[in-house]
């Protein structure tokens, strides 16, 4: 059986949001165990969009829409599993992802471009160095 996370990453859950929270960035990761899936370095939550935005802001203190706006200005390389990436400001310090907020947009041939090719994953990262960056790609194409 496919998990919610796998379905999200395949672009099959456009009404859900994927949240990655680093174990270094959240004070009580154990409290989230019942709601998510433990991964190396943190936890992933896949949930309904409205609920996810609220949970993300409560857990991180960051408005996810503000994160997205800020991150869109800097293109980076986000891991396809939405749990990290390569920070474009990498200079030898700590550049691990503290948080990743991602959503999938369903295929839409009328828009064209990437959206005509399939569902598009939009991912926004808050790096430990303070940099915000983003990337989007066609689900299942990388």
N, C-alpha and C. Protein backbone atom coordinates (compact mmCIF):
# COMPACT_ATOMS: atom_id res chain seq x y z
N UNK A 1 0.83 -1.18 0.00
CA UNK A 1 0.00 0.00 0.00
C UNK A 1 0.88 1.25 0.00
N UNK A 2 0.55 2.20 -0.84
CA UNK A 2 1.30 3.44 -0.97
C UNK A 2 0.99 4.38 0.19
N UNK A 3 2.02 4.97 0.77
CA UNK A 3 1.83 5.90 1.88
C UNK A 3 1.37 7.26 1.34
N UNK A 4 0.83 8.08 2.23
CA UNK A 4 0.44 9.44 1.85
C UNK A 4 1.65 10.20 1.30
N UNK A 5 2.79 9.98 1.91
CA UNK A 5 4.02 10.65 1.48
C UNK A 5 4.41 10.25 0.06
N UNK A 6 4.38 8.95 -0.22
CA UNK A 6 4.71 8.48 -1.57
C UNK A 6 3.72 9.02 -2.59
N UNK A 7 2.45 9.03 -2.24
CA UNK A 7 1.42 9.55 -3.15
C UNK A 7 1.62 11.04 -3.38
N UNK A 8 1.97 11.79 -2.32
CA UNK A 8 2.23 13.21 -2.48
C UNK A 8 3.39 13.43 -3.45
N UNK A 9 4.51 12.75 -3.21
CA UNK A 9 5.71 12.92 -4.04
C UNK A 9 5.47 12.51 -5.48
N UNK A 10 4.48 11.65 -5.71
CA UNK A 10 4.11 11.25 -7.08
C UNK A 10 3.14 12.25 -7.71
N UNK A 11 2.76 13.27 -6.95
CA UNK A 11 1.85 14.29 -7.46
C UNK A 11 0.39 13.91 -7.39
N UNK A 12 0.08 12.88 -6.61
CA UNK A 12 -1.29 12.35 -6.56
C UNK A 12 -2.13 12.93 -5.42
N UNK A 13 -1.60 13.86 -4.65
CA UNK A 13 -2.34 14.43 -3.52
C UNK A 13 -2.26 15.96 -3.56
N UNK A 14 -2.86 16.58 -4.59
CA UNK A 14 -2.74 18.03 -4.73
C UNK A 14 -3.46 18.84 -3.64
N UNK A 15 -4.31 18.22 -2.85
CA UNK A 15 -4.96 18.97 -1.77
C UNK A 15 -4.17 18.90 -0.47
N UNK A 16 -3.07 18.13 -0.47
CA UNK A 16 -2.25 17.98 0.73
C UNK A 16 -0.98 18.81 0.64
N UNK A 17 -0.37 19.01 1.79
CA UNK A 17 0.91 19.70 1.90
C UNK A 17 1.89 18.78 2.60
N UNK A 18 3.13 18.83 2.17
CA UNK A 18 4.22 18.03 2.73
C UNK A 18 5.08 18.96 3.58
N UNK A 19 5.29 18.59 4.83
CA UNK A 19 6.12 19.39 5.74
C UNK A 19 7.26 18.51 6.25
N UNK A 20 8.48 19.01 6.14
CA UNK A 20 9.63 18.36 6.76
C UNK A 20 10.11 19.28 7.88
N UNK A 21 10.29 18.70 9.07
CA UNK A 21 10.81 19.43 10.22
C UNK A 21 12.07 18.73 10.70
N UNK A 22 13.17 19.44 10.72
CA UNK A 22 14.44 18.88 11.18
C UNK A 22 14.38 18.64 12.69
N UNK A 23 15.01 17.56 13.14
CA UNK A 23 15.04 17.28 14.58
C UNK A 23 15.78 18.37 15.34
N UNK A 24 16.67 19.10 14.67
CA UNK A 24 17.41 20.19 15.31
C UNK A 24 16.58 21.47 15.43
N UNK A 25 15.47 21.53 14.71
CA UNK A 25 14.69 22.76 14.65
C UNK A 25 13.41 22.72 15.47
N UNK A 26 13.02 21.54 15.93
CA UNK A 26 11.77 21.38 16.68
C UNK A 26 12.11 20.83 18.05
N UNK A 27 11.55 21.44 19.09
CA UNK A 27 11.92 21.05 20.45
C UNK A 27 11.37 19.69 20.88
N UNK A 28 10.18 19.30 20.41
CA UNK A 28 9.60 18.04 20.84
C UNK A 28 9.09 17.24 19.64
N UNK A 29 10.02 16.66 18.92
CA UNK A 29 9.67 15.88 17.73
C UNK A 29 8.80 14.68 18.08
N UNK A 30 8.99 14.11 19.27
CA UNK A 30 8.20 12.95 19.69
C UNK A 30 6.71 13.25 19.70
N UNK A 31 6.33 14.49 19.98
CA UNK A 31 4.92 14.86 20.02
C UNK A 31 4.26 14.77 18.64
N UNK A 32 5.08 14.76 17.59
CA UNK A 32 4.54 14.71 16.23
C UNK A 32 4.53 13.29 15.64
N UNK A 33 5.09 12.33 16.36
CA UNK A 33 5.19 10.96 15.85
C UNK A 33 3.86 10.38 15.39
N UNK A 34 2.80 10.65 16.11
CA UNK A 34 1.49 10.08 15.76
C UNK A 34 0.92 10.69 14.48
N UNK A 35 1.49 11.81 14.03
CA UNK A 35 0.94 12.53 12.87
C UNK A 35 1.82 12.43 11.64
N UNK A 36 3.00 11.85 11.77
CA UNK A 36 3.93 11.86 10.65
C UNK A 36 4.77 10.62 10.55
N UNK A 37 5.76 10.72 9.70
CA UNK A 37 6.68 9.61 9.42
C UNK A 37 8.10 10.07 9.72
N UNK A 38 8.79 9.36 10.61
CA UNK A 38 10.18 9.68 10.92
C UNK A 38 11.05 9.37 9.70
N UNK A 39 11.94 10.30 9.39
CA UNK A 39 12.91 10.12 8.33
C UNK A 39 14.26 10.52 8.90
N UNK A 40 15.32 10.24 8.19
CA UNK A 40 16.65 10.59 8.68
C UNK A 40 16.70 12.09 8.95
N UNK A 41 17.01 12.46 10.16
CA UNK A 41 17.18 13.85 10.52
C UNK A 41 15.94 14.61 10.93
N UNK A 42 14.77 13.96 10.90
CA UNK A 42 13.56 14.70 11.28
C UNK A 42 12.28 13.91 11.08
N UNK A 43 11.23 14.63 10.75
CA UNK A 43 9.91 14.02 10.57
C UNK A 43 9.21 14.69 9.39
N UNK A 44 8.40 13.91 8.69
CA UNK A 44 7.59 14.40 7.58
C UNK A 44 6.12 14.26 7.94
N UNK A 45 5.38 15.32 7.70
CA UNK A 45 3.94 15.32 7.89
C UNK A 45 3.31 15.60 6.53
N UNK A 46 2.32 14.81 6.15
CA UNK A 46 1.55 15.06 4.93
C UNK A 46 0.11 15.18 5.38
N UNK A 47 -0.45 16.37 5.15
CA UNK A 47 -1.81 16.61 5.64
C UNK A 47 -2.53 17.64 4.78
N UNK A 48 -3.82 17.75 5.02
CA UNK A 48 -4.66 18.70 4.33
C UNK A 48 -4.03 20.09 4.38
N UNK A 49 -4.16 20.83 3.30
CA UNK A 49 -3.51 22.13 3.17
C UNK A 49 -3.75 23.10 4.29
N UNK A 50 -5.00 23.35 4.67
CA UNK A 50 -5.29 24.32 5.73
C UNK A 50 -4.68 23.88 7.06
N UNK A 51 -4.86 22.63 7.39
CA UNK A 51 -4.30 22.10 8.64
C UNK A 51 -2.77 22.19 8.60
N UNK A 52 -2.18 21.85 7.47
CA UNK A 52 -0.72 21.86 7.34
C UNK A 52 -0.15 23.26 7.52
N UNK A 53 -0.80 24.26 6.96
CA UNK A 53 -0.31 25.63 7.12
C UNK A 53 -0.30 26.03 8.59
N UNK A 54 -1.35 25.65 9.30
CA UNK A 54 -1.44 25.97 10.72
C UNK A 54 -0.38 25.23 11.52
N UNK A 55 -0.21 23.94 11.25
CA UNK A 55 0.79 23.12 11.95
C UNK A 55 2.19 23.65 11.67
N UNK A 56 2.47 23.98 10.42
CA UNK A 56 3.79 24.49 10.06
C UNK A 56 4.09 25.77 10.83
N UNK A 57 3.14 26.70 10.85
CA UNK A 57 3.38 27.96 11.53
C UNK A 57 3.54 27.75 13.03
N UNK A 58 2.74 26.86 13.62
CA UNK A 58 2.85 26.59 15.05
C UNK A 58 4.20 25.95 15.40
N UNK A 59 4.65 25.01 14.57
CA UNK A 59 5.89 24.29 14.86
C UNK A 59 7.14 25.12 14.59
N UNK A 60 7.07 26.02 13.61
CA UNK A 60 8.28 26.73 13.19
C UNK A 60 8.28 28.21 13.55
N UNK A 61 7.10 28.77 13.78
CA UNK A 61 7.02 30.21 14.00
C UNK A 61 7.12 31.00 12.71
N UNK A 62 7.05 30.31 11.57
CA UNK A 62 7.18 30.95 10.26
C UNK A 62 5.85 30.81 9.52
N UNK A 63 5.36 31.90 8.98
CA UNK A 63 4.18 31.87 8.12
C UNK A 63 4.59 31.20 6.81
N UNK A 64 3.97 30.07 6.44
CA UNK A 64 4.40 29.36 5.24
C UNK A 64 4.26 30.18 3.96
N UNK A 65 3.28 31.08 3.90
CA UNK A 65 3.13 31.92 2.71
C UNK A 65 4.27 32.93 2.63
N UNK A 66 4.70 33.46 3.77
CA UNK A 66 5.85 34.37 3.79
C UNK A 66 7.13 33.62 3.39
N UNK A 67 7.28 32.38 3.88
CA UNK A 67 8.42 31.55 3.50
C UNK A 67 8.43 31.36 1.98
N UNK A 68 7.29 31.01 1.42
CA UNK A 68 7.20 30.78 -0.02
C UNK A 68 7.57 32.04 -0.80
N UNK A 69 7.04 33.19 -0.41
CA UNK A 69 7.35 34.43 -1.10
C UNK A 69 8.84 34.75 -1.05
N UNK A 70 9.42 34.59 0.12
CA UNK A 70 10.84 34.87 0.27
C UNK A 70 11.70 33.86 -0.51
N UNK A 71 11.33 32.59 -0.43
CA UNK A 71 12.12 31.53 -1.07
C UNK A 71 12.05 31.58 -2.59
N UNK A 72 10.94 32.06 -3.14
CA UNK A 72 10.79 32.11 -4.60
C UNK A 72 11.84 32.99 -5.26
N UNK A 73 12.42 33.91 -4.52
CA UNK A 73 13.43 34.80 -5.07
C UNK A 73 14.78 34.15 -5.27
N UNK A 74 14.98 32.95 -4.72
CA UNK A 74 16.28 32.27 -4.82
C UNK A 74 16.05 30.82 -5.22
N UNK A 75 16.56 30.48 -6.39
CA UNK A 75 16.43 29.10 -6.85
C UNK A 75 17.52 28.24 -6.22
N UNK A 76 17.13 27.08 -5.75
CA UNK A 76 18.07 26.13 -5.16
C UNK A 76 17.77 24.73 -5.66
N UNK A 77 18.43 23.77 -5.09
CA UNK A 77 18.24 22.37 -5.45
C UNK A 77 17.62 21.66 -4.26
N UNK A 78 16.32 21.32 -4.38
CA UNK A 78 15.61 20.65 -3.30
C UNK A 78 15.58 19.16 -3.60
N UNK A 79 15.85 18.34 -2.58
CA UNK A 79 15.81 16.90 -2.74
C UNK A 79 14.41 16.46 -3.17
N UNK A 80 14.33 15.45 -4.04
CA UNK A 80 13.04 15.00 -4.54
C UNK A 80 12.14 14.43 -3.44
N UNK A 81 12.72 14.04 -2.30
CA UNK A 81 11.89 13.55 -1.20
C UNK A 81 11.46 14.69 -0.27
N UNK A 82 11.83 15.92 -0.64
CA UNK A 82 11.45 17.13 0.10
C UNK A 82 11.88 17.11 1.57
N UNK A 83 13.06 16.58 1.83
CA UNK A 83 13.59 16.58 3.20
C UNK A 83 14.92 17.32 3.30
N UNK A 84 15.32 18.00 2.27
CA UNK A 84 16.58 18.73 2.29
C UNK A 84 16.87 19.32 0.93
N UNK A 85 18.11 19.68 0.74
CA UNK A 85 18.51 20.26 -0.52
C UNK A 85 19.93 20.75 -0.46
N UNK A 86 20.34 21.43 -1.51
CA UNK A 86 21.65 22.04 -1.59
C UNK A 86 21.46 23.54 -1.56
N UNK A 87 21.86 24.15 -0.49
CA UNK A 87 21.67 25.58 -0.31
C UNK A 87 22.53 26.36 -1.30
N UNK A 88 21.94 27.33 -2.00
CA UNK A 88 22.73 28.11 -2.96
C UNK A 88 23.74 29.04 -2.28
N UNK A 89 23.64 29.24 -0.97
CA UNK A 89 24.58 30.09 -0.23
C UNK A 89 25.68 29.26 0.43
N UNK A 90 25.77 27.97 0.11
CA UNK A 90 26.72 27.07 0.76
C UNK A 90 28.12 27.66 0.73
N UNK A 91 28.68 27.86 1.93
CA UNK A 91 30.01 28.47 2.06
C UNK A 91 30.85 27.76 3.12
N UNK A 92 30.49 26.53 3.41
CA UNK A 92 31.26 25.77 4.39
C UNK A 92 30.62 25.68 5.76
N UNK A 93 29.61 26.49 6.05
CA UNK A 93 28.93 26.42 7.34
C UNK A 93 27.85 25.36 7.32
N UNK A 94 26.92 25.46 8.26
CA UNK A 94 25.81 24.51 8.33
C UNK A 94 24.74 24.92 7.33
N UNK A 95 24.49 24.07 6.36
CA UNK A 95 23.49 24.36 5.32
C UNK A 95 22.45 23.25 5.23
N UNK A 96 22.14 22.67 6.37
CA UNK A 96 21.10 21.64 6.38
C UNK A 96 19.73 22.32 6.39
N UNK A 97 18.75 21.63 5.82
CA UNK A 97 17.39 22.16 5.80
C UNK A 97 16.80 22.07 7.20
N UNK A 98 16.29 23.17 7.70
CA UNK A 98 15.58 23.17 8.98
C UNK A 98 14.13 22.80 8.74
N UNK A 99 13.55 23.37 7.68
CA UNK A 99 12.15 23.13 7.35
C UNK A 99 11.99 23.07 5.84
N UNK A 100 11.07 22.23 5.39
CA UNK A 100 10.67 22.23 3.98
C UNK A 100 9.15 22.23 3.95
N UNK A 101 8.60 23.13 3.17
CA UNK A 101 7.15 23.24 2.98
C UNK A 101 6.91 23.02 1.49
N UNK A 102 6.11 22.02 1.14
CA UNK A 102 5.91 21.71 -0.28
C UNK A 102 4.45 21.39 -0.57
N UNK A 103 4.03 21.71 -1.79
CA UNK A 103 2.70 21.34 -2.24
C UNK A 103 2.78 20.90 -3.69
N UNK A 104 1.77 20.17 -4.14
CA UNK A 104 1.70 19.69 -5.52
C UNK A 104 0.56 20.41 -6.22
N UNK A 105 0.81 20.81 -7.44
CA UNK A 105 -0.22 21.43 -8.26
C UNK A 105 -0.54 20.46 -9.39
N UNK A 106 -1.80 20.14 -9.55
CA UNK A 106 -2.22 19.15 -10.55
C UNK A 106 -1.87 19.60 -11.97
N UNK A 107 -1.67 18.62 -12.83
CA UNK A 107 -1.38 18.89 -14.23
C UNK A 107 -2.45 19.81 -14.81
N UNK A 108 -1.99 20.79 -15.62
CA UNK A 108 -2.91 21.74 -16.23
C UNK A 108 -2.35 22.13 -17.59
N UNK A 109 -2.83 21.48 -18.63
CA UNK A 109 -2.31 21.72 -19.98
C UNK A 109 -2.58 23.14 -20.46
N UNK A 110 -3.62 23.79 -19.94
CA UNK A 110 -3.95 25.15 -20.35
C UNK A 110 -2.87 26.15 -19.94
N UNK A 111 -2.19 25.89 -18.82
CA UNK A 111 -1.13 26.79 -18.35
C UNK A 111 0.13 26.60 -19.19
N UNK A 112 0.37 25.36 -19.59
CA UNK A 112 1.55 25.06 -20.39
C UNK A 112 2.80 24.85 -19.55
N UNK A 113 3.95 24.84 -20.21
CA UNK A 113 5.22 24.64 -19.53
C UNK A 113 5.25 23.36 -18.73
N UNK A 114 5.86 23.42 -17.55
CA UNK A 114 5.94 22.26 -16.67
C UNK A 114 4.55 21.69 -16.37
N UNK A 115 3.58 22.57 -16.21
CA UNK A 115 2.24 22.17 -15.79
C UNK A 115 1.53 21.30 -16.83
N UNK A 116 1.94 21.40 -18.07
CA UNK A 116 1.36 20.56 -19.12
C UNK A 116 1.95 19.15 -19.09
N UNK A 117 3.12 19.00 -18.45
CA UNK A 117 3.81 17.72 -18.42
C UNK A 117 3.33 16.80 -17.31
N UNK A 118 2.73 17.34 -16.28
CA UNK A 118 2.27 16.53 -15.16
C UNK A 118 2.09 17.38 -13.93
N UNK A 119 1.80 16.74 -12.80
CA UNK A 119 1.67 17.47 -11.54
C UNK A 119 3.02 18.07 -11.19
N UNK A 120 3.00 19.30 -10.65
CA UNK A 120 4.23 20.01 -10.34
C UNK A 120 4.37 20.15 -8.82
N UNK A 121 5.54 19.74 -8.32
CA UNK A 121 5.87 19.90 -6.90
C UNK A 121 6.54 21.26 -6.72
N UNK A 122 6.05 22.05 -5.79
CA UNK A 122 6.64 23.33 -5.40
C UNK A 122 7.21 23.13 -4.00
N UNK A 123 8.50 23.36 -3.81
CA UNK A 123 9.12 23.14 -2.51
C UNK A 123 9.89 24.38 -2.08
N UNK A 124 9.74 24.72 -0.80
CA UNK A 124 10.35 25.90 -0.20
C UNK A 124 11.15 25.47 1.02
N UNK A 125 12.41 25.89 1.09
CA UNK A 125 13.32 25.44 2.15
C UNK A 125 13.79 26.62 2.98
N UNK A 126 13.82 26.41 4.30
CA UNK A 126 14.47 27.32 5.23
C UNK A 126 15.74 26.62 5.69
N UNK A 127 16.88 27.15 5.29
CA UNK A 127 18.18 26.55 5.60
C UNK A 127 18.66 27.00 6.97
N UNK A 128 19.51 26.19 7.59
CA UNK A 128 20.08 26.51 8.89
C UNK A 128 20.88 27.81 8.87
N UNK A 129 21.40 28.20 7.70
CA UNK A 129 22.20 29.43 7.59
C UNK A 129 21.32 30.67 7.49
N UNK A 130 20.00 30.47 7.36
CA UNK A 130 19.09 31.60 7.22
C UNK A 130 18.60 31.82 5.80
N UNK A 131 19.28 31.22 4.83
CA UNK A 131 18.87 31.35 3.42
C UNK A 131 17.53 30.67 3.20
N UNK A 132 16.71 31.24 2.36
CA UNK A 132 15.45 30.63 1.91
C UNK A 132 15.60 30.40 0.42
N UNK A 133 15.20 29.21 -0.05
CA UNK A 133 15.28 28.92 -1.48
C UNK A 133 14.17 27.97 -1.88
N UNK A 134 13.97 27.84 -3.20
CA UNK A 134 12.88 27.02 -3.70
C UNK A 134 13.26 26.33 -5.00
N UNK A 135 12.41 25.37 -5.34
CA UNK A 135 12.53 24.68 -6.62
C UNK A 135 11.18 24.07 -6.94
N UNK A 136 10.89 23.94 -8.23
CA UNK A 136 9.69 23.22 -8.65
C UNK A 136 10.07 22.27 -9.77
N UNK A 137 9.35 21.14 -9.83
CA UNK A 137 9.64 20.13 -10.83
C UNK A 137 8.39 19.28 -11.06
N UNK A 138 8.41 18.58 -12.18
CA UNK A 138 7.31 17.65 -12.48
C UNK A 138 7.48 16.42 -11.62
N UNK A 139 6.43 16.06 -10.89
CA UNK A 139 6.47 14.90 -10.00
C UNK A 139 6.86 13.65 -10.78
N UNK A 140 7.79 12.90 -10.21
CA UNK A 140 8.23 11.64 -10.81
C UNK A 140 9.21 11.81 -11.96
N UNK A 141 9.61 13.02 -12.30
CA UNK A 141 10.51 13.25 -13.43
C UNK A 141 11.98 13.37 -13.03
N UNK A 142 12.27 13.38 -11.73
CA UNK A 142 13.67 13.50 -11.31
C UNK A 142 14.05 12.32 -10.46
